[in-house]
PDB file of all heavy atoms in Angstrom:
ATOM      1  N   LYS A   1     -12.914 -10.447  -7.351  1.00  0.00           N
ATOM      2  CA  LYS A   1     -11.629  -9.726  -7.544  1.00  0.00           C
ATOM      3  C   LYS A   1     -11.507  -8.603  -6.542  1.00  0.00           C
ATOM      4  O   LYS A   1     -12.490  -8.216  -5.901  1.00  0.00           O
ATOM      5  CB  LYS A   1     -11.530  -9.215  -8.969  1.00  0.00           C
ATOM      6  CG  LYS A   1     -11.564 -10.285 -10.042  1.00  0.00           C
ATOM      7  CD  LYS A   1     -11.419  -9.655 -11.430  1.00  0.00           C
ATOM      8  CE  LYS A   1     -11.477 -10.697 -12.496  1.00  0.00           C
ATOM      9  NZ  LYS A   1     -11.265 -10.142 -13.848  1.00  0.00           N
ATOM     10  N   MET A   2     -10.331  -8.065  -6.425  1.00  0.00           N
ATOM     11  CA  MET A   2     -10.053  -6.910  -5.591  1.00  0.00           C
ATOM     12  C   MET A   2     -10.818  -5.696  -6.126  1.00  0.00           C
ATOM     13  O   MET A   2     -10.981  -5.540  -7.344  1.00  0.00           O
ATOM     14  CB  MET A   2      -8.576  -6.650  -5.505  1.00  0.00           C
ATOM     15  CG  MET A   2      -8.139  -5.632  -4.483  1.00  0.00           C
ATOM     16  SD  MET A   2      -6.344  -5.454  -4.349  1.00  0.00           S
ATOM     17  CE  MET A   2      -5.943  -7.003  -3.515  1.00  0.00           C
ATOM     18  N   THR A   3     -11.257  -4.820  -5.245  1.00  0.00           N
ATOM     19  CA  THR A   3     -11.851  -3.566  -5.675  1.00  0.00           C
ATOM     20  C   THR A   3     -10.782  -2.545  -6.029  1.00  0.00           C
ATOM     21  O   THR A   3      -9.624  -2.683  -5.593  1.00  0.00           O
ATOM     22  CB  THR A   3     -12.744  -3.007  -4.555  1.00  0.00           C
ATOM     23  OG1 THR A   3     -11.893  -2.619  -3.426  1.00  0.00           O
ATOM     24  CG2 THR A   3     -13.795  -3.963  -4.140  1.00  0.00           C
ATOM     25  N   PRO A   4     -11.098  -1.515  -6.789  1.00  0.00           N
ATOM     26  CA  PRO A   4     -10.103  -0.496  -7.082  1.00  0.00           C
ATOM     27  C   PRO A   4      -9.492   0.129  -5.864  1.00  0.00           C
ATOM     28  O   PRO A   4      -8.288   0.415  -5.811  1.00  0.00           O
ATOM     29  CB  PRO A   4     -10.883   0.531  -7.943  1.00  0.00           C
ATOM     30  CG  PRO A   4     -12.025  -0.247  -8.486  1.00  0.00           C
ATOM     31  CD  PRO A   4     -12.404  -1.247  -7.460  1.00  0.00           C
ATOM     32  N   GLY A   5     -10.322   0.396  -4.838  1.00  0.00           N
ATOM     33  CA  GLY A   5      -9.804   1.015  -3.582  1.00  0.00           C
ATOM     34  C   GLY A   5      -8.786   0.062  -2.894  1.00  0.00           C
ATOM     35  O   GLY A   5      -7.747   0.487  -2.446  1.00  0.00           O
ATOM     36  N   GLY A   6      -9.128  -1.219  -2.845  1.00  0.00           N
ATOM     37  CA  GLY A   6      -8.246  -2.184  -2.256  1.00  0.00           C
ATOM     38  C   GLY A   6      -6.925  -2.268  -3.029  1.00  0.00           C
ATOM     39  O   GLY A   6      -5.863  -2.403  -2.429  1.00  0.00           O
ATOM     40  N   HIS A   7      -7.016  -2.165  -4.337  1.00  0.00           N
ATOM     41  CA  HIS A   7      -5.812  -2.204  -5.166  1.00  0.00           C
ATOM     42  C   HIS A   7      -4.901  -1.048  -4.824  1.00  0.00           C
ATOM     43  O   HIS A   7      -3.683  -1.213  -4.665  1.00  0.00           O
ATOM     44  CB  HIS A   7      -6.176  -2.196  -6.658  1.00  0.00           C
ATOM     45  CG  HIS A   7      -5.091  -2.478  -7.554  1.00  0.00           C
ATOM     46  ND1 HIS A   7      -5.336  -2.919  -8.881  1.00  0.00           N
ATOM     47  CD2 HIS A   7      -3.758  -2.417  -7.469  1.00  0.00           C
ATOM     48  CE1 HIS A   7      -4.171  -3.113  -9.480  1.00  0.00           C
ATOM     49  NE2 HIS A   7      -3.174  -2.763  -8.638  1.00  0.00           N
ATOM     50  N   TRP A   8      -5.474   0.159  -4.711  1.00  0.00           N
ATOM     51  CA  TRP A   8      -4.624   1.320  -4.407  1.00  0.00           C
ATOM     52  C   TRP A   8      -4.083   1.327  -2.968  1.00  0.00           C
ATOM     53  O   TRP A   8      -2.964   1.824  -2.758  1.00  0.00           O
ATOM     54  CB  TRP A   8      -5.387   2.598  -4.760  1.00  0.00           C
ATOM     55  CG  TRP A   8      -5.101   2.914  -6.213  1.00  0.00           C
ATOM     56  CD1 TRP A   8      -5.857   2.504  -7.243  1.00  0.00           C
ATOM     57  CD2 TRP A   8      -3.980   3.600  -6.743  1.00  0.00           C
ATOM     58  NE1 TRP A   8      -5.254   2.876  -8.440  1.00  0.00           N
ATOM     59  CE2 TRP A   8      -4.116   3.582  -8.144  1.00  0.00           C
ATOM     60  CE3 TRP A   8      -2.915   4.260  -6.190  1.00  0.00           C
ATOM     61  CZ2 TRP A   8      -3.159   4.196  -9.012  1.00  0.00           C
ATOM     62  CZ3 TRP A   8      -1.951   4.856  -7.041  1.00  0.00           C
ATOM     63  CH2 TRP A   8      -2.107   4.834  -8.402  1.00  0.00           C
ATOM     64  N   LEU A   9      -4.806   0.744  -2.044  1.00  0.00           N
ATOM     65  CA  LEU A   9      -4.230   0.620  -0.697  1.00  0.00           C
ATOM     66  C   LEU A   9      -3.102  -0.406  -0.723  1.00  0.00           C
ATOM     67  O   LEU A   9      -2.110  -0.258   0.000  1.00  0.00           O
ATOM     68  CB  LEU A   9      -5.311   0.236   0.294  1.00  0.00           C
ATOM     69  CG  LEU A   9      -6.298   1.347   0.652  1.00  0.00           C
ATOM     70  CD1 LEU A   9      -7.416   0.829   1.519  1.00  0.00           C
ATOM     71  CD2 LEU A   9      -5.558   2.517   1.366  1.00  0.00           C
ATOM     72  N   ALA A  10      -3.197  -1.428  -1.572  1.00  0.00           N
ATOM     73  CA  ALA A  10      -2.128  -2.353  -1.703  1.00  0.00           C
ATOM     74  C   ALA A  10      -0.891  -1.716  -2.380  1.00  0.00           C
ATOM     75  O   ALA A  10       0.224  -2.028  -2.038  1.00  0.00           O
ATOM     76  CB  ALA A  10      -2.596  -3.575  -2.538  1.00  0.00           C
ATOM     77  N   ILE A  11      -1.107  -0.807  -3.340  1.00  0.00           N
ATOM     78  CA  ILE A  11       0.004  -0.077  -3.906  1.00  0.00           C
ATOM     79  C   ILE A  11       0.668   0.788  -2.820  1.00  0.00           C
ATOM     80  O   ILE A  11       1.900   0.859  -2.710  1.00  0.00           O
ATOM     81  CB  ILE A  11      -0.517   0.806  -5.029  1.00  0.00           C
ATOM     82  CG1 ILE A  11      -0.858  -0.060  -6.270  1.00  0.00           C
ATOM     83  CG2 ILE A  11       0.563   1.864  -5.426  1.00  0.00           C
ATOM     84  CD1 ILE A  11      -1.501   0.681  -7.402  1.00  0.00           C
ATOM     85  N   ALA A  12      -0.175   1.421  -2.000  1.00  0.00           N
ATOM     86  CA  ALA A  12       0.399   2.182  -0.877  1.00  0.00           C
ATOM     87  C   ALA A  12       1.243   1.290   0.021  1.00  0.00           C
ATOM     88  O   ALA A  12       2.316   1.690   0.488  1.00  0.00           O
ATOM     89  CB  ALA A  12      -0.733   2.856  -0.072  1.00  0.00           C
ATOM     90  N   GLN A  13       0.769   0.103   0.272  1.00  0.00           N
ATOM     91  CA  GLN A  13       1.533  -0.806   1.092  1.00  0.00           C
ATOM     92  C   GLN A  13       2.886  -1.173   0.447  1.00  0.00           C
ATOM     93  O   GLN A  13       3.934  -1.143   1.125  1.00  0.00           O
ATOM     94  CB  GLN A  13       0.752  -2.089   1.288  1.00  0.00           C
ATOM     95  CG  GLN A  13       1.442  -3.157   2.171  1.00  0.00           C
ATOM     96  CD  GLN A  13       0.579  -4.334   2.448  1.00  0.00           C
ATOM     97  OE1 GLN A  13       0.943  -5.472   2.154  1.00  0.00           O
ATOM     98  NE2 GLN A  13      -0.620  -4.128   2.994  1.00  0.00           N
ATOM     99  N   THR A  14       2.872  -1.452  -0.853  1.00  0.00           N
ATOM    100  CA  THR A  14       4.084  -1.782  -1.555  1.00  0.00           C
ATOM    101  C   THR A  14       5.121  -0.675  -1.418  1.00  0.00           C
ATOM    102  O   THR A  14       6.332  -0.938  -1.111  1.00  0.00           O
ATOM    103  CB  THR A  14       3.784  -2.006  -3.059  1.00  0.00           C
ATOM    104  OG1 THR A  14       2.948  -3.153  -3.207  1.00  0.00           O
ATOM    105  CG2 THR A  14       5.043  -2.172  -3.875  1.00  0.00           C
ATOM    106  N   VAL A  15       4.708   0.537  -1.592  1.00  0.00           N
ATOM    107  CA  VAL A  15       5.657   1.703  -1.597  1.00  0.00           C
ATOM    108  C   VAL A  15       6.097   2.111  -0.189  1.00  0.00           C
ATOM    109  O   VAL A  15       7.234   2.480   0.064  1.00  0.00           O
ATOM    110  CB  VAL A  15       5.150   2.844  -2.441  1.00  0.00           C
ATOM    111  CG1 VAL A  15       6.186   3.970  -2.443  1.00  0.00           C
ATOM    112  CG2 VAL A  15       4.819   2.384  -3.862  1.00  0.00           C
ATOM    113  N   THR A  16       5.163   2.099   0.773  1.00  0.00           N
ATOM    114  CA  THR A  16       5.568   2.409   2.149  1.00  0.00           C
ATOM    115  C   THR A  16       6.547   1.381   2.685  1.00  0.00           C
ATOM    116  O   THR A  16       7.472   1.753   3.390  1.00  0.00           O
ATOM    117  CB  THR A  16       4.321   2.446   3.088  1.00  0.00           C
ATOM    118  OG1 THR A  16       3.594   1.264   3.011  1.00  0.00           O
ATOM    119  CG2 THR A  16       3.393   3.620   2.733  1.00  0.00           C
ATOM    120  N   ARG A  17       6.371   0.136   2.252  1.00  0.00           N
ATOM    121  CA  ARG A  17       7.309  -0.896   2.647  1.00  0.00           C
ATOM    122  C   ARG A  17       8.686  -0.646   1.928  1.00  0.00           C
ATOM    123  O   ARG A  17       9.720  -0.769   2.558  1.00  0.00           O
ATOM    124  CB  ARG A  17       6.759  -2.267   2.274  1.00  0.00           C
ATOM    125  CG  ARG A  17       7.703  -3.413   2.575  1.00  0.00           C
ATOM    126  CD  ARG A  17       7.093  -4.728   2.088  1.00  0.00           C
ATOM    127  NE  ARG A  17       5.936  -5.101   2.900  1.00  0.00           N
ATOM    128  CZ  ARG A  17       4.832  -5.633   2.455  1.00  0.00           C
ATOM    129  NH1 ARG A  17       4.650  -5.792   1.110  1.00  0.00           N
ATOM    130  NH2 ARG A  17       3.852  -6.016   3.258  1.00  0.00           N
ATOM    131  N   GLN A  18       8.609  -0.382   0.665  1.00  0.00           N
ATOM    132  CA  GLN A  18       9.807  -0.101  -0.127  1.00  0.00           C
ATOM    133  C   GLN A  18      10.613   1.060   0.444  1.00  0.00           C
ATOM    134  O   GLN A  18      11.857   1.006   0.482  1.00  0.00           O
ATOM    135  CB  GLN A  18       9.400   0.152  -1.581  1.00  0.00           C
ATOM    136  CG  GLN A  18      10.477   0.518  -2.545  1.00  0.00           C
ATOM    137  CD  GLN A  18       9.945   0.830  -3.925  1.00  0.00           C
ATOM    138  OE1 GLN A  18       9.354  -0.017  -4.506  1.00  0.00           O
ATOM    139  NE2 GLN A  18      10.158   2.015  -4.418  1.00  0.00           N
ATOM    140  N   ARG A  19       9.892   2.101   0.834  1.00  0.00           N
ATOM    141  CA  ARG A  19      10.582   3.297   1.347  1.00  0.00           C
ATOM    142  C   ARG A  19      10.886   3.205   2.838  1.00  0.00           C
ATOM    143  O   ARG A  19      11.395   4.170   3.458  1.00  0.00           O
ATOM    144  CB  ARG A  19       9.650   4.527   1.137  1.00  0.00           C
ATOM    145  CG  ARG A  19       9.238   4.687  -0.305  1.00  0.00           C
ATOM    146  CD  ARG A  19      10.384   5.030  -1.249  1.00  0.00           C
ATOM    147  NE  ARG A  19      10.917   6.369  -1.043  1.00  0.00           N
ATOM    148  CZ  ARG A  19      11.852   6.926  -1.768  1.00  0.00           C
ATOM    149  NH1 ARG A  19      12.414   6.217  -2.745  1.00  0.00           N
ATOM    150  NH2 ARG A  19      12.257   8.145  -1.501  1.00  0.00           N
ATOM    151  N   LYS A  20      10.560   2.035   3.460  1.00  0.00           N
ATOM    152  CA  LYS A  20      10.805   1.815   4.875  1.00  0.00           C
ATOM    153  C   LYS A  20      10.193   2.882   5.806  1.00  0.00           C
ATOM    154  O   LYS A  20      10.840   3.374   6.742  1.00  0.00           O
ATOM    155  CB  LYS A  20      12.329   1.679   5.139  1.00  0.00           C
ATOM    156  CG  LYS A  20      12.992   0.509   4.445  1.00  0.00           C
ATOM    157  CD  LYS A  20      14.454   0.424   4.759  1.00  0.00           C
ATOM    158  CE  LYS A  20      15.059  -0.873   4.284  1.00  0.00           C
ATOM    159  NZ  LYS A  20      14.856  -1.165   2.844  1.00  0.00           N
ATOM    160  N   LEU A  21       8.975   3.244   5.501  1.00  0.00           N
ATOM    161  CA  LEU A  21       8.254   4.196   6.338  1.00  0.00           C
ATOM    162  C   LEU A  21       7.889   3.531   7.684  1.00  0.00           C
ATOM    163  O   LEU A  21       7.613   2.327   7.714  1.00  0.00           O
ATOM    164  CB  LEU A  21       7.026   4.705   5.669  1.00  0.00           C
ATOM    165  CG  LEU A  21       7.151   5.459   4.323  1.00  0.00           C
ATOM    166  CD1 LEU A  21       5.859   6.102   3.936  1.00  0.00           C
ATOM    167  CD2 LEU A  21       8.277   6.502   4.439  1.00  0.00           C
ATOM    168  N   ASN A  22       7.877   4.332   8.781  1.00  0.00           N
ATOM    169  CA  ASN A  22       7.496   3.735  10.029  1.00  0.00           C
ATOM    170  C   ASN A  22       6.008   3.518  10.130  1.00  0.00           C
ATOM    171  O   ASN A  22       5.252   3.872   9.208  1.00  0.00           O
ATOM    172  CB  ASN A  22       8.063   4.625  11.185  1.00  0.00           C
ATOM    173  CG  ASN A  22       7.466   5.998  11.212  1.00  0.00           C
ATOM    174  OD1 ASN A  22       6.307   6.200  10.823  1.00  0.00           O
ATOM    175  ND2 ASN A  22       8.205   6.988  11.647  1.00  0.00           N
ATOM    176  N   MET A  23       5.572   2.998  11.232  1.00  0.00           N
ATOM    177  CA  MET A  23       4.140   2.641  11.344  1.00  0.00           C
ATOM    178  C   MET A  23       3.275   3.860  11.299  1.00  0.00           C
ATOM    179  O   MET A  23       2.218   3.863  10.629  1.00  0.00           O
ATOM    180  CB  MET A  23       3.890   1.876  12.627  1.00  0.00           C
ATOM    181  CG  MET A  23       2.420   1.390  12.794  1.00  0.00           C
ATOM    182  SD  MET A  23       2.186   0.333  14.230  1.00  0.00           S
ATOM    183  CE  MET A  23       0.432   0.062  14.132  1.00  0.00           C
ATOM    184  N   MET A  24       3.672   4.961  11.949  1.00  0.00           N
ATOM    185  CA  MET A  24       2.841   6.166  11.946  1.00  0.00           C
ATOM    186  C   MET A  24       2.691   6.715  10.502  1.00  0.00           C
ATOM    187  O   MET A  24       1.608   7.080  10.070  1.00  0.00           O
ATOM    188  CB  MET A  24       3.468   7.203  12.883  1.00  0.00           C
ATOM    189  CG  MET A  24       2.529   8.380  13.143  1.00  0.00           C
ATOM    190  SD  MET A  24       1.203   8.038  14.238  1.00  0.00           S
ATOM    191  CE  MET A  24      -0.241   8.381  13.246  1.00  0.00           C
TER     192      MET A  24
END
């Protein structure tokens, strides 16, 4: 299974994508 750290980086991915943040 995914580790807790990997899970939270995936959450970060979900929200940065949702908020349309740029690459930087």
